[in-house]
Amino acid sequence: NKAVVVEHDKNNITPNNDQASQFFAETVAQVAQNQLNIPIERAE
C-alpha cells in the first residue's frame, strides 16, 4: 500500500513527553496524507 509509518512516543522512560510527540507526529501525518497524498500508518 506504500504507506509511511509515522512513529510516536508512548509509555517509554518519560511519560511527560508523550502528548507532544503524538501531536507533532499527527500533524506531520495529516499534512502527508491529505496534502502530499501519501498514505500513513501509526506506530510507537
Full PDB file with SEQRES, HELIX, SHEET, SSBOND, CRYST1, ORIGX, SCALE, CONECT and MASTER records, all heavy atoms in Angstrom:
SEQRES   1 A   44  ASN LYS ALA VAL VAL VAL GLU HIS ASP LYS ASN ASN ILE          
SEQRES   2 A   44  THR PRO ASN ASN ASP GLN ALA SER GLN PHE PHE ALA GLU          
SEQRES   3 A   44  THR VAL ALA GLN VAL ALA GLN ASN GLN LEU ASN ILE PRO          
SEQRES   4 A   44  ILE GLU ARG ALA GLU                                          
HELIX    1 AA1 PRO A   15  ASN A   17  5                                   3    
HELIX    2 AA2 ASP A   18  ASN A   34  1                                  17    
SHEET    1 AA1 2 VAL A   4  GLU A   7  0                                        
SHEET    2 AA1 2 ILE A  40  ALA A  43  1                                        
CRYST1    1.000    1.000    1.000  90.00  90.00  90.00 P 1           1          
ORIGX1      1.000000  0.000000  0.000000        0.00000                         
ORIGX2      0.000000  1.000000  0.000000        0.00000                         
ORIGX3      0.000000  0.000000  1.000000        0.00000                         
SCALE1      1.000000  0.000000  0.000000        0.00000                         
SCALE2      0.000000  1.000000  0.000000        0.00000                         
SCALE3      0.000000  0.000000  1.000000        0.00000                         
ATOM      1  N   ASN A   1       0.809  -1.228   0.000  1.00  0.00           N  
ATOM      2  CA  ASN A   1       0.000   0.000   0.000  1.00  0.00           C  
ATOM      3  C   ASN A   1       0.838   1.272   0.000  1.00  0.00           C  
ATOM      4  O   ASN A   1       0.287   2.377  -0.026  1.00  0.00           O  
ATOM      5  CB  ASN A   1      -0.956   0.010   1.191  1.00  0.00           C  
ATOM      6  CG  ASN A   1      -0.238   0.069   2.537  1.00  0.00           C  
ATOM      7  OD1 ASN A   1       0.988   0.082   2.607  1.00  0.00           O  
ATOM      8  ND2 ASN A   1      -1.012   0.101   3.612  1.00  0.00           N  
ATOM      9  N   LYS A   2       2.169   1.120   0.051  1.00  0.00           N  
ATOM     10  CA  LYS A   2       3.108   2.257   0.000  1.00  0.00           C  
ATOM     11  C   LYS A   2       2.962   3.207   1.185  1.00  0.00           C  
ATOM     12  O   LYS A   2       3.396   4.368   1.124  1.00  0.00           O  
ATOM     13  CB  LYS A   2       2.949   3.053  -1.307  1.00  0.00           C  
ATOM     14  CG  LYS A   2       3.137   2.241  -2.568  1.00  0.00           C  
ATOM     15  CD  LYS A   2       4.561   1.760  -2.739  1.00  0.00           C  
ATOM     16  CE  LYS A   2       4.753   1.038  -4.062  1.00  0.00           C  
ATOM     17  NZ  LYS A   2       6.133   0.583  -4.268  1.00  0.00           N  
ATOM     18  N   ALA A   3       2.369   2.749   2.275  1.00  0.00           N  
ATOM     19  CA  ALA A   3       2.197   3.610   3.441  1.00  0.00           C  
ATOM     20  C   ALA A   3       3.537   3.926   4.096  1.00  0.00           C  
ATOM     21  O   ALA A   3       4.465   3.111   4.090  1.00  0.00           O  
ATOM     22  CB  ALA A   3       1.270   2.947   4.453  1.00  0.00           C  
ATOM     23  N   VAL A   4       3.612   5.112   4.672  1.00  0.00           N  
ATOM     24  CA  VAL A   4       4.738   5.520   5.513  1.00  0.00           C  
ATOM     25  C   VAL A   4       4.280   5.411   6.963  1.00  0.00           C  
ATOM     26  O   VAL A   4       3.183   5.858   7.309  1.00  0.00           O  
ATOM     27  CB  VAL A   4       5.171   6.960   5.192  1.00  0.00           C  
ATOM     28  CG1 VAL A   4       6.151   7.487   6.244  1.00  0.00           C  
ATOM     29  CG2 VAL A   4       5.794   7.024   3.802  1.00  0.00           C  
ATOM     30  N   VAL A   5       5.119   4.834   7.800  1.00  0.00           N  
ATOM     31  CA  VAL A   5       4.794   4.704   9.213  1.00  0.00           C  
ATOM     32  C   VAL A   5       5.353   5.901   9.974  1.00  0.00           C  
ATOM     33  O   VAL A   5       6.563   6.156   9.935  1.00  0.00           O  
ATOM     34  CB  VAL A   5       5.365   3.394   9.797  1.00  0.00           C  
ATOM     35  CG1 VAL A   5       5.029   3.283  11.290  1.00  0.00           C  
ATOM     36  CG2 VAL A   5       4.819   2.183   9.039  1.00  0.00           C  
ATOM     37  N   VAL A   6       4.477   6.641  10.632  1.00  0.00           N  
ATOM     38  CA  VAL A   6       4.889   7.751  11.491  1.00  0.00           C  
ATOM     39  C   VAL A   6       4.866   7.237  12.932  1.00  0.00           C  
ATOM     40  O   VAL A   6       3.817   6.826  13.433  1.00  0.00           O  
ATOM     41  CB  VAL A   6       3.974   8.970  11.324  1.00  0.00           C  
ATOM     42  CG1 VAL A   6       4.409  10.098  12.270  1.00  0.00           C  
ATOM     43  CG2 VAL A   6       3.997   9.453   9.874  1.00  0.00           C  
ATOM     44  N   GLU A   7       6.030   7.257  13.574  1.00  0.00           N  
ATOM     45  CA  GLU A   7       6.172   6.705  14.919  1.00  0.00           C  
ATOM     46  C   GLU A   7       6.079   7.812  15.964  1.00  0.00           C  
ATOM     47  O   GLU A   7       6.653   8.887  15.781  1.00  0.00           O  
ATOM     48  CB  GLU A   7       7.529   6.018  15.055  1.00  0.00           C  
ATOM     49  CG  GLU A   7       7.783   4.929  14.031  1.00  0.00           C  
ATOM     50  CD  GLU A   7       9.209   4.443  14.088  1.00  0.00           C  
ATOM     51  OE1 GLU A   7      10.132   5.290  14.056  1.00  0.00           O  
ATOM     52  OE2 GLU A   7       9.410   3.223  14.160  1.00  0.00           O  
ATOM     53  N   HIS A   8       5.389   7.526  17.058  1.00  0.00           N  
ATOM     54  CA  HIS A   8       5.255   8.499  18.135  1.00  0.00           C  
ATOM     55  C   HIS A   8       5.605   7.845  19.467  1.00  0.00           C  
ATOM     56  O   HIS A   8       5.654   6.616  19.596  1.00  0.00           O  
ATOM     57  CB  HIS A   8       3.837   9.066  18.175  1.00  0.00           C  
ATOM     58  CG  HIS A   8       2.789   8.013  18.418  1.00  0.00           C  
ATOM     59  ND1 HIS A   8       2.431   7.591  19.678  1.00  0.00           N  
ATOM     60  CD2 HIS A   8       2.041   7.286  17.554  1.00  0.00           C  
ATOM     61  CE1 HIS A   8       1.502   6.652  19.587  1.00  0.00           C  
ATOM     62  NE2 HIS A   8       1.250   6.444  18.308  1.00  0.00           N  
ATOM     63  N   ASP A   9       5.834   8.654  20.440  1.00  0.00           N  
ATOM     64  CA  ASP A   9       6.232   8.215  21.780  1.00  0.00           C  
ATOM     65  C   ASP A   9       5.007   7.786  22.578  1.00  0.00           C  
ATOM     66  O   ASP A   9       3.977   8.453  22.564  1.00  0.00           O  
ATOM     67  CB  ASP A   9       6.944   9.388  22.467  1.00  0.00           C  
ATOM     68  CG  ASP A   9       7.607   9.014  23.778  1.00  0.00           C  
ATOM     69  OD1 ASP A   9       7.643   7.809  24.107  1.00  0.00           O  
ATOM     70  OD2 ASP A   9       8.085   9.933  24.460  1.00  0.00           O  
ATOM     71  N   LYS A  10       5.140   6.677  23.298  1.00  0.00           N  
ATOM     72  CA  LYS A  10       4.057   6.234  24.169  1.00  0.00           C  
ATOM     73  C   LYS A  10       4.619   5.275  25.215  1.00  0.00           C  
ATOM     74  O   LYS A  10       5.202   4.246  24.890  1.00  0.00           O  
ATOM     75  CB  LYS A  10       2.959   5.531  23.364  1.00  0.00           C  
ATOM     76  CG  LYS A  10       1.753   5.126  24.206  1.00  0.00           C  
ATOM     77  CD  LYS A  10       0.691   4.457  23.338  1.00  0.00           C  
ATOM     78  CE  LYS A  10      -0.510   4.050  24.178  1.00  0.00           C  
ATOM     79  NZ  LYS A  10      -1.551   3.367  23.362  1.00  0.00           N  
ATOM     80  N   ASN A  11       4.452   5.665  26.487  1.00  0.00           N  
ATOM     81  CA  ASN A  11       4.782   4.772  27.611  1.00  0.00           C  
ATOM     82  C   ASN A  11       6.235   4.309  27.620  1.00  0.00           C  
ATOM     83  O   ASN A  11       6.529   3.139  27.858  1.00  0.00           O  
ATOM     84  CB  ASN A  11       3.863   3.541  27.590  1.00  0.00           C  
ATOM     85  CG  ASN A  11       2.406   3.905  27.740  1.00  0.00           C  
ATOM     86  OD1 ASN A  11       2.065   4.888  28.393  1.00  0.00           O  
ATOM     87  ND2 ASN A  11       1.538   3.127  27.123  1.00  0.00           N  
ATOM     88  N   ASN A  12       7.144   5.230  27.394  1.00  0.00           N  
ATOM     89  CA  ASN A  12       8.556   4.896  27.495  1.00  0.00           C  
ATOM     90  C   ASN A  12       9.128   5.429  28.806  1.00  0.00           C  
ATOM     91  O   ASN A  12       8.421   5.495  29.799  1.00  0.00           O  
ATOM     92  CB  ASN A  12       9.296   5.398  26.257  1.00  0.00           C  
ATOM     93  CG  ASN A  12       8.987   4.539  25.038  1.00  0.00           C  
ATOM     94  OD1 ASN A  12       9.394   3.383  24.962  1.00  0.00           O  
ATOM     95  ND2 ASN A  12       8.238   5.087  24.091  1.00  0.00           N  
ATOM     96  N   ILE A  13      10.392   5.825  28.834  1.00  0.00           N  
ATOM     97  CA  ILE A  13      11.039   6.203  30.090  1.00  0.00           C  
ATOM     98  C   ILE A  13      10.371   7.409  30.728  1.00  0.00           C  
ATOM     99  O   ILE A  13      10.120   7.456  31.931  1.00  0.00           O  
ATOM    100  CB  ILE A  13      12.538   6.475  29.868  1.00  0.00           C  
ATOM    101  CG1 ILE A  13      13.236   5.224  29.327  1.00  0.00           C  
ATOM    102  CG2 ILE A  13      13.195   6.948  31.166  1.00  0.00           C  
ATOM    103  CD1 ILE A  13      13.199   4.040  30.261  1.00  0.00           C  
ATOM    104  N   THR A  14      10.064   8.412  29.898  1.00  0.00           N  
ATOM    105  CA  THR A  14       9.496   9.662  30.409  1.00  0.00           C  
ATOM    106  C   THR A  14       8.097   9.856  29.843  1.00  0.00           C  
ATOM    107  O   THR A  14       7.945  10.129  28.652  1.00  0.00           O  
ATOM    108  CB  THR A  14      10.386  10.859  30.013  1.00  0.00           C  
ATOM    109  OG1 THR A  14      11.716  10.616  30.441  1.00  0.00           O  
ATOM    110  CG2 THR A  14       9.876  12.144  30.637  1.00  0.00           C  
ATOM    111  N   PRO A  15       7.059   9.724  30.646  1.00  0.00           N  
ATOM    112  CA  PRO A  15       5.698   9.839  30.111  1.00  0.00           C  
ATOM    113  C   PRO A  15       5.276  11.264  29.776  1.00  0.00           C  
ATOM    114  O   PRO A  15       4.347  11.466  28.995  1.00  0.00           O  
ATOM    115  CB  PRO A  15       4.832   9.269  31.242  1.00  0.00           C  
ATOM    116  CG  PRO A  15       5.635   9.493  32.487  1.00  0.00           C  
ATOM    117  CD  PRO A  15       7.074   9.338  32.076  1.00  0.00           C  
ATOM    118  N   ASN A  16       5.953  12.251  30.334  1.00  0.00           N  
ATOM    119  CA  ASN A  16       5.512  13.633  30.159  1.00  0.00           C  
ATOM    120  C   ASN A  16       5.687  14.158  28.732  1.00  0.00           C  
ATOM    121  O   ASN A  16       5.151  15.212  28.394  1.00  0.00           O  
ATOM    122  CB  ASN A  16       6.261  14.552  31.122  1.00  0.00           C  
ATOM    123  CG  ASN A  16       5.882  14.301  32.569  1.00  0.00           C  
ATOM    124  OD1 ASN A  16       4.836  13.716  32.846  1.00  0.00           O  
ATOM    125  ND2 ASN A  16       6.735  14.712  33.497  1.00  0.00           N  
ATOM    126  N   ASN A  17       6.470  13.452  27.912  1.00  0.00           N  
ATOM    127  CA  ASN A  17       6.670  13.924  26.538  1.00  0.00           C  
ATOM    128  C   ASN A  17       5.791  13.199  25.522  1.00  0.00           C  
ATOM    129  O   ASN A  17       5.878  13.456  24.327  1.00  0.00           O  
ATOM    130  CB  ASN A  17       8.146  13.816  26.121  1.00  0.00           C  
ATOM    131  CG  ASN A  17       8.756  12.464  26.475  1.00  0.00           C  
ATOM    132  OD1 ASN A  17       8.044  11.505  26.741  1.00  0.00           O  
ATOM    133  ND2 ASN A  17      10.074  12.396  26.467  1.00  0.00           N  
ATOM    134  N   ASP A  18       4.935  12.302  25.983  1.00  0.00           N  
ATOM    135  CA  ASP A  18       4.095  11.535  25.059  1.00  0.00           C  
ATOM    136  C   ASP A  18       3.143  12.424  24.271  1.00  0.00           C  
ATOM    137  O   ASP A  18       3.000  12.286  23.050  1.00  0.00           O  
ATOM    138  CB  ASP A  18       3.273  10.490  25.818  1.00  0.00           C  
ATOM    139  CG  ASP A  18       4.098   9.322  26.305  1.00  0.00           C  
ATOM    140  OD1 ASP A  18       5.339   9.356  26.151  1.00  0.00           O  
ATOM    141  OD2 ASP A  18       3.500   8.374  26.852  1.00  0.00           O  
ATOM    142  N   GLN A  19       2.481  13.333  24.957  1.00  0.00           N  
ATOM    143  CA  GLN A  19       1.450  14.143  24.310  1.00  0.00           C  
ATOM    144  C   GLN A  19       2.028  15.015  23.205  1.00  0.00           C  
ATOM    145  O   GLN A  19       1.452  15.111  22.104  1.00  0.00           O  
ATOM    146  CB  GLN A  19       0.729  15.000  25.344  1.00  0.00           C  
ATOM    147  CG  GLN A  19      -0.465  15.764  24.773  1.00  0.00           C  
ATOM    148  CD  GLN A  19      -1.257  16.495  25.854  1.00  0.00           C  
ATOM    149  OE1 GLN A  19      -0.923  16.441  27.034  1.00  0.00           O  
ATOM    150  NE2 GLN A  19      -2.319  17.170  25.456  1.00  0.00           N  
ATOM    151  N   ALA A  20       3.169  15.644  23.478  1.00  0.00           N  
ATOM    152  CA  ALA A  20       3.793  16.498  22.460  1.00  0.00           C  
ATOM    153  C   ALA A  20       4.256  15.675  21.269  1.00  0.00           C  
ATOM    154  O   ALA A  20       4.114  16.089  20.114  1.00  0.00           O  
ATOM    155  CB  ALA A  20       4.970  17.260  23.068  1.00  0.00           C  
ATOM    156  N   SER A  21       4.809  14.499  21.534  1.00  0.00           N  
ATOM    157  CA  SER A  21       5.244  13.623  20.452  1.00  0.00           C  
ATOM    158  C   SER A  21       4.074  13.248  19.555  1.00  0.00           C  
ATOM    159  O   SER A  21       4.161  13.310  18.322  1.00  0.00           O  
ATOM    160  CB  SER A  21       5.888  12.357  21.027  1.00  0.00           C  
ATOM    161  OG  SER A  21       6.103  11.395  20.016  1.00  0.00           O  
ATOM    162  N   GLN A  22       2.983  12.853  20.170  1.00  0.00           N  
ATOM    163  CA  GLN A  22       1.822  12.444  19.383  1.00  0.00           C  
ATOM    164  C   GLN A  22       1.242  13.619  18.603  1.00  0.00           C  
ATOM    165  O   GLN A  22       0.783  13.454  17.464  1.00  0.00           O  
ATOM    166  CB  GLN A  22       0.783  11.816  20.299  1.00  0.00           C  
ATOM    167  CG  GLN A  22       1.252  10.482  20.880  1.00  0.00           C  
ATOM    168  CD  GLN A  22       0.255   9.848  21.837  1.00  0.00           C  
ATOM    169  OE1 GLN A  22      -0.949   9.902  21.600  1.00  0.00           O  
ATOM    170  NE2 GLN A  22       0.744   9.251  22.913  1.00  0.00           N  
ATOM    171  N   PHE A  23       1.307  14.808  19.181  1.00  0.00           N  
ATOM    172  CA  PHE A  23       0.804  15.999  18.481  1.00  0.00           C  
ATOM    173  C   PHE A  23       1.615  16.265  17.212  1.00  0.00           C  
ATOM    174  O   PHE A  23       1.045  16.459  16.125  1.00  0.00           O  
ATOM    175  CB  PHE A  23       0.855  17.211  19.400  1.00  0.00           C  
ATOM    176  CG  PHE A  23       0.558  18.505  18.693  1.00  0.00           C  
ATOM    177  CD1 PHE A  23      -0.742  18.838  18.337  1.00  0.00           C  
ATOM    178  CD2 PHE A  23       1.578  19.379  18.362  1.00  0.00           C  
ATOM    179  CE1 PHE A  23      -1.020  20.026  17.668  1.00  0.00           C  
ATOM    180  CE2 PHE A  23       1.312  20.564  17.701  1.00  0.00           C  
ATOM    181  CZ  PHE A  23       0.011  20.887  17.350  1.00  0.00           C  
ATOM    182  N   PHE A  24       2.946  16.281  17.322  1.00  0.00           N  
ATOM    183  CA  PHE A  24       3.771  16.550  16.145  1.00  0.00           C  
ATOM    184  C   PHE A  24       3.649  15.425  15.118  1.00  0.00           C  
ATOM    185  O   PHE A  24       3.569  15.679  13.908  1.00  0.00           O  
ATOM    186  CB  PHE A  24       5.230  16.751  16.543  1.00  0.00           C  
ATOM    187  CG  PHE A  24       5.514  18.100  17.130  1.00  0.00           C  
ATOM    188  CD1 PHE A  24       5.937  18.237  18.435  1.00  0.00           C  
ATOM    189  CD2 PHE A  24       5.350  19.256  16.371  1.00  0.00           C  
ATOM    190  CE1 PHE A  24       6.197  19.484  18.987  1.00  0.00           C  
ATOM    191  CE2 PHE A  24       5.605  20.512  16.908  1.00  0.00           C  
ATOM    192  CZ  PHE A  24       6.033  20.623  18.220  1.00  0.00           C  
ATOM    193  N   ALA A  25       3.637  14.184  15.595  1.00  0.00           N  
ATOM    194  CA  ALA A  25       3.509  13.054  14.675  1.00  0.00           C  
ATOM    195  C   ALA A  25       2.194  13.131  13.906  1.00  0.00           C  
ATOM    196  O   ALA A  25       2.159  12.922  12.683  1.00  0.00           O  
ATOM    197  CB  ALA A  25       3.608  11.741  15.454  1.00  0.00           C  
ATOM    198  N   GLU A  26       1.117  13.438  14.593  1.00  0.00           N  
ATOM    199  CA  GLU A  26      -0.182  13.521  13.941  1.00  0.00           C  
ATOM    200  C   GLU A  26      -0.258  14.713  12.979  1.00  0.00           C  
ATOM    201  O   GLU A  26      -0.878  14.615  11.911  1.00  0.00           O  
ATOM    202  CB  GLU A  26      -1.298  13.617  14.978  1.00  0.00           C  
ATOM    203  CG  GLU A  26      -1.528  12.320  15.740  1.00  0.00           C  
ATOM    204  CD  GLU A  26      -2.719  12.409  16.682  1.00  0.00           C  
ATOM    205  OE1 GLU A  26      -3.398  13.458  16.687  1.00  0.00           O  
ATOM    206  OE2 GLU A  26      -2.961  11.423  17.398  1.00  0.00           O  
ATOM    207  N   THR A  27       0.348  15.823  13.358  1.00  0.00           N  
ATOM    208  CA  THR A  27       0.339  16.999  12.486  1.00  0.00           C  
ATOM    209  C   THR A  27       1.066  16.701  11.181  1.00  0.00           C  
ATOM    210  O   THR A  27       0.569  16.996  10.083  1.00  0.00           O  
ATOM    211  CB  THR A  27       0.994  18.191  13.201  1.00  0.00           C  
ATOM    212  OG1 THR A  27       0.273  18.491  14.397  1.00  0.00           O  
ATOM    213  CG2 THR A  27       1.005  19.418  12.302  1.00  0.00           C  
ATOM    214  N   VAL A  28       2.256  16.110  11.293  1.00  0.00           N  
ATOM    215  CA  VAL A  28       3.026  15.756  10.097  1.00  0.00           C  
ATOM    216  C   VAL A  28       2.286  14.709   9.273  1.00  0.00           C  
ATOM    217  O   VAL A  28       2.232  14.779   8.039  1.00  0.00           O  
ATOM    218  CB  VAL A  28       4.429  15.266  10.501  1.00  0.00           C  
ATOM    219  CG1 VAL A  28       5.168  14.654   9.312  1.00  0.00           C  
ATOM    220  CG2 VAL A  28       5.243  16.422  11.085  1.00  0.00           C  
ATOM    221  N   ALA A  29       1.677  13.739   9.948  1.00  0.00           N  
ATOM    222  CA  ALA A  29       0.923  12.695   9.250  1.00  0.00           C  
ATOM    223  C   ALA A  29      -0.261  13.280   8.488  1.00  0.00           C  
ATOM    224  O   ALA A  29      -0.556  12.868   7.354  1.00  0.00           O  
ATOM    225  CB  ALA A  29       0.443  11.654  10.258  1.00  0.00           C  
ATOM    226  N   GLN A  30      -0.937  14.237   9.085  1.00  0.00           N  
ATOM    227  CA  GLN A  30      -2.089  14.862   8.441  1.00  0.00           C  
ATOM    228  C   GLN A  30      -1.675  15.582   7.162  1.00  0.00           C  
ATOM    229  O   GLN A  30      -2.334  15.451   6.127  1.00  0.00           O  
ATOM    230  CB  GLN A  30      -2.764  15.840   9.407  1.00  0.00           C  
ATOM    231  CG  GLN A  30      -3.791  16.768   8.789  1.00  0.00           C  
ATOM    232  CD  GLN A  30      -5.030  16.044   8.287  1.00  0.00           C  
ATOM    233  OE1 GLN A  30      -5.214  14.861   8.530  1.00  0.00           O  
ATOM    234  NE2 GLN A  30      -5.880  16.758   7.570  1.00  0.00           N  
ATOM    235  N   VAL A  31      -0.596  16.335   7.214  1.00  0.00           N  
ATOM    236  CA  VAL A  31      -0.124  17.042   6.020  1.00  0.00           C  
ATOM    237  C   VAL A  31       0.291  16.040   4.951  1.00  0.00           C  
ATOM    238  O   VAL A  31      -0.027  16.199   3.761  1.00  0.00           O  
ATOM    239  CB  VAL A  31       1.042  17.982   6.378  1.00  0.00           C  
ATOM    240  CG1 VAL A  31       1.637  18.601   5.116  1.00  0.00           C  
ATOM    241  CG2 VAL A  31       0.570  19.077   7.324  1.00  0.00           C  
ATOM    242  N   ALA A  32       0.984  14.994   5.355  1.00  0.00           N  
ATOM    243  CA  ALA A  32       1.450  13.993   4.394  1.00  0.00           C  
ATOM    244  C   ALA A  32       0.283  13.299   3.703  1.00  0.00           C  
ATOM    245  O   ALA A  32       0.279  13.128   2.471  1.00  0.00           O  
ATOM    246  CB  ALA A  32       2.322  12.966   5.101  1.00  0.00           C  
ATOM    247  N   GLN A  33      -0.703  12.916   4.481  1.00  0.00           N  
ATOM    248  CA  GLN A  33      -1.803  12.128   3.924  1.00  0.00           C  
ATOM    249  C   GLN A  33      -2.770  12.981   3.114  1.00  0.00           C  
ATOM    250  O   GLN A  33      -3.211  12.568   2.034  1.00  0.00           O  
ATOM    251  CB  GLN A  33      -2.550  11.421   5.055  1.00  0.00           C  
ATOM    252  CG  GLN A  33      -3.613  10.433   4.577  1.00  0.00           C  
ATOM    253  CD  GLN A  33      -3.997   9.454   5.667  1.00  0.00           C  
ATOM    254  OE1 GLN A  33      -3.348   8.450   5.879  1.00  0.00           O  
ATOM    255  NE2 GLN A  33      -5.079   9.762   6.372  1.00  0.00           N  
ATOM    256  N   ASN A  34      -3.081  14.164   3.596  1.00  0.00           N  
ATOM    257  CA  ASN A  34      -4.118  14.972   2.953  1.00  0.00           C  
ATOM    258  C   ASN A  34      -3.594  15.961   1.920  1.00  0.00           C  
ATOM    259  O   ASN A  34      -4.340  16.365   1.036  1.00  0.00           O  
ATOM    260  CB  ASN A  34      -4.927  15.725   4.016  1.00  0.00           C  
ATOM    261  CG  ASN A  34      -5.925  14.814   4.711  1.00  0.00           C  
ATOM    262  OD1 ASN A  34      -5.707  13.603   4.783  1.00  0.00           O  
ATOM    263  ND2 ASN A  34      -7.004  15.380   5.206  1.00  0.00           N  
ATOM    264  N   GLN A  35      -2.330  16.376   2.062  1.00  0.00           N  
ATOM    265  CA  GLN A  35      -1.803  17.365   1.129  1.00  0.00           C  
ATOM    266  C   GLN A  35      -0.721  16.812   0.205  1.00  0.00           C  
ATOM    267  O   GLN A  35      -0.580  17.290  -0.923  1.00  0.00           O  
ATOM    268  CB  GLN A  35      -1.283  18.578   1.904  1.00  0.00           C  
ATOM    269  CG  GLN A  35      -2.392  19.256   2.708  1.00  0.00           C  
ATOM    270  CD  GLN A  35      -1.943  20.538   3.367  1.00  0.00           C  
ATOM    271  OE1 GLN A  35      -1.303  21.383   2.742  1.00  0.00           O  
ATOM    272  NE2 GLN A  35      -2.275  20.716   4.643  1.00  0.00           N  
ATOM    273  N   LEU A  36       0.032  15.835   0.669  1.00  0.00           N  
ATOM    274  CA  LEU A  36       1.021  15.187  -0.197  1.00  0.00           C  
ATOM    275  C   LEU A  36       0.492  13.890  -0.795  1.00  0.00           C  
ATOM    276  O   LEU A  36       1.157  13.261  -1.618  1.00  0.00           O  
ATOM    277  CB  LEU A  36       2.304  14.904   0.593  1.00  0.00           C  
ATOM    278  CG  LEU A  36       3.093  16.124   1.067  1.00  0.00           C  
ATOM    279  CD1 LEU A  36       4.223  15.698   1.995  1.00  0.00           C  
ATOM    280  CD2 LEU A  36       3.647  16.907  -0.116  1.00  0.00           C  
ATOM    281  N   ASN A  37      -0.694  13.471  -0.347  1.00  0.00           N  
ATOM    282  CA  ASN A  37      -1.349  12.261  -0.868  1.00  0.00           C  
ATOM    283  C   ASN A  37      -0.505  10.999  -0.661  1.00  0.00           C  
ATOM    284  O   ASN A  37      -0.439  10.128  -1.531  1.00  0.00           O  
ATOM    285  CB  ASN A  37      -1.695  12.437  -2.351  1.00  0.00           C  
ATOM    286  CG  ASN A  37      -2.657  13.578  -2.592  1.00  0.00           C  
ATOM    287  OD1 ASN A  37      -3.660  13.707  -1.890  1.00  0.00           O  
ATOM    288  ND2 ASN A  37      -2.342  14.427  -3.545  1.00  0.00           N  
ATOM    289  N   ILE A  38       0.112  10.922   0.506  1.00  0.00           N  
ATOM    290  CA  ILE A  38       0.924   9.767   0.877  1.00  0.00           C  
ATOM    291  C   ILE A  38       0.194   9.018   1.991  1.00  0.00           C  
ATOM    292  O   ILE A  38      -0.095   9.609   3.037  1.00  0.00           O  
ATOM    293  CB  ILE A  38       2.322  10.205   1.350  1.00  0.00           C  
ATOM    294  CG1 ILE A  38       3.061  10.946   0.220  1.00  0.00           C  
ATOM    295  CG2 ILE A  38       3.129   8.991   1.815  1.00  0.00           C  
ATOM    296  CD1 ILE A  38       4.337  11.633   0.676  1.00  0.00           C  
ATOM    297  N   PRO A  39      -0.120   7.744   1.814  1.00  0.00           N  
ATOM    298  CA  PRO A  39      -0.825   7.011   2.875  1.00  0.00           C  
ATOM    299  C   PRO A  39       0.032   6.867   4.119  1.00  0.00           C  
ATOM    300  O   PRO A  39       1.242   6.642   4.033  1.00  0.00           O  
ATOM    301  CB  PRO A  39      -1.121   5.651   2.239  1.00  0.00           C  
ATOM    302  CG  PRO A  39      -0.146   5.525   1.115  1.00  0.00           C  
ATOM    303  CD  PRO A  39       0.133   6.911   0.629  1.00  0.00           C  
ATOM    304  N   ILE A  40      -0.599   6.973   5.271  1.00  0.00           N  
ATOM    305  CA  ILE A  40       0.103   6.994   6.550  1.00  0.00           C  
ATOM    306  C   ILE A  40      -0.464   5.934   7.489  1.00  0.00           C  
ATOM    307  O   ILE A  40      -1.666   5.726   7.568  1.00  0.00           O  
ATOM    308  CB  ILE A  40      -0.025   8.381   7.219  1.00  0.00           C  
ATOM    309  CG1 ILE A  40       0.632   9.458   6.345  1.00  0.00           C  
ATOM    310  CG2 ILE A  40       0.585   8.376   8.619  1.00  0.00           C  
ATOM    311  CD1 ILE A  40       2.136   9.322   6.191  1.00  0.00           C  
ATOM    312  N   GLU A  41       0.448   5.293   8.223  1.00  0.00           N  
ATOM    313  CA  GLU A  41       0.074   4.448   9.356  1.00  0.00           C  
ATOM    314  C   GLU A  41       0.813   4.964  10.584  1.00  0.00           C  
ATOM    315  O   GLU A  41       1.808   5.696  10.464  1.00  0.00           O  
ATOM    316  CB  GLU A  41       0.440   2.990   9.092  1.00  0.00           C  
ATOM    317  CG  GLU A  41      -0.358   2.370   7.950  1.00  0.00           C  
ATOM    318  CD  GLU A  41       0.107   0.966   7.607  1.00  0.00           C  
ATOM    319  OE1 GLU A  41       1.186   0.553   8.099  1.00  0.00           O  
ATOM    320  OE2 GLU A  41      -0.597   0.286   6.846  1.00  0.00           O  
ATOM    321  N   ARG A  42       0.334   4.569  11.767  1.00  0.00           N  
ATOM    322  CA  ARG A  42       0.960   4.997  13.018  1.00  0.00           C  
ATOM    323  C   ARG A  42       1.509   3.801  13.775  1.00  0.00           C  
ATOM    324  O   ARG A  42       0.963   2.699  13.709  1.00  0.00           O  
ATOM    325  CB  ARG A  42      -0.059   5.727  13.893  1.00  0.00           C  
ATOM    326  CG  ARG A  42      -0.491   7.080  13.369  1.00  0.00           C  
ATOM    327  CD  ARG A  42      -1.580   7.675  14.235  1.00  0.00           C  
ATOM    328  NE  ARG A  42      -1.202   7.746  15.641  1.00  0.00           N  
ATOM    329  CZ  ARG A  42      -2.015   8.153  16.607  1.00  0.00           C  
ATOM    330  NH1 ARG A  42      -3.248   8.516  16.332  1.00  0.00           N  
ATOM    331  NH2 ARG A  42      -1.596   8.188  17.858  1.00  0.00           N  
ATOM    332  N   ALA A  43       2.584   4.051  14.516  1.00  0.00           N  
ATOM    333  CA  ALA A  43       3.133   3.030  15.403  1.00  0.00           C  
ATOM    334  C   ALA A  43       3.911   3.757  16.499  1.00  0.00           C  
ATOM    335  O   ALA A  43       4.053   4.985  16.482  1.00  0.00           O  
ATOM    336  CB  ALA A  43       4.037   2.060  14.646  1.00  0.00           C  
ATOM    337  N   GLU A  44       4.431   3.007  17.445  1.00  0.00           N  
ATOM    338  CA  GLU A  44       5.185   3.584  18.554  1.00  0.00           C  
ATOM    339  C   GLU A  44       6.683   3.547  18.268  1.00  0.00           C  
ATOM    340  O   GLU A  44       7.173   2.661  17.568  1.00  0.00           O  
ATOM    341  CB  GLU A  44       4.883   2.817  19.841  1.00  0.00           C  
ATOM    342  CG  GLU A  44       3.422   2.895  20.256  1.00  0.00           C  
ATOM    343  CD  GLU A  44       3.085   1.923  21.366  1.00  0.00           C  
ATOM    344  OE1 GLU A  44       4.009   1.495  22.094  1.00  0.00           O  
ATOM    345  OE2 GLU A  44       1.895   1.570  21.499  1.00  0.00           O  
TER     346      GLU A  44                                                      
MASTER        0    0    0    2    2    0    0    6  345    1    0    4          
END                                                                             
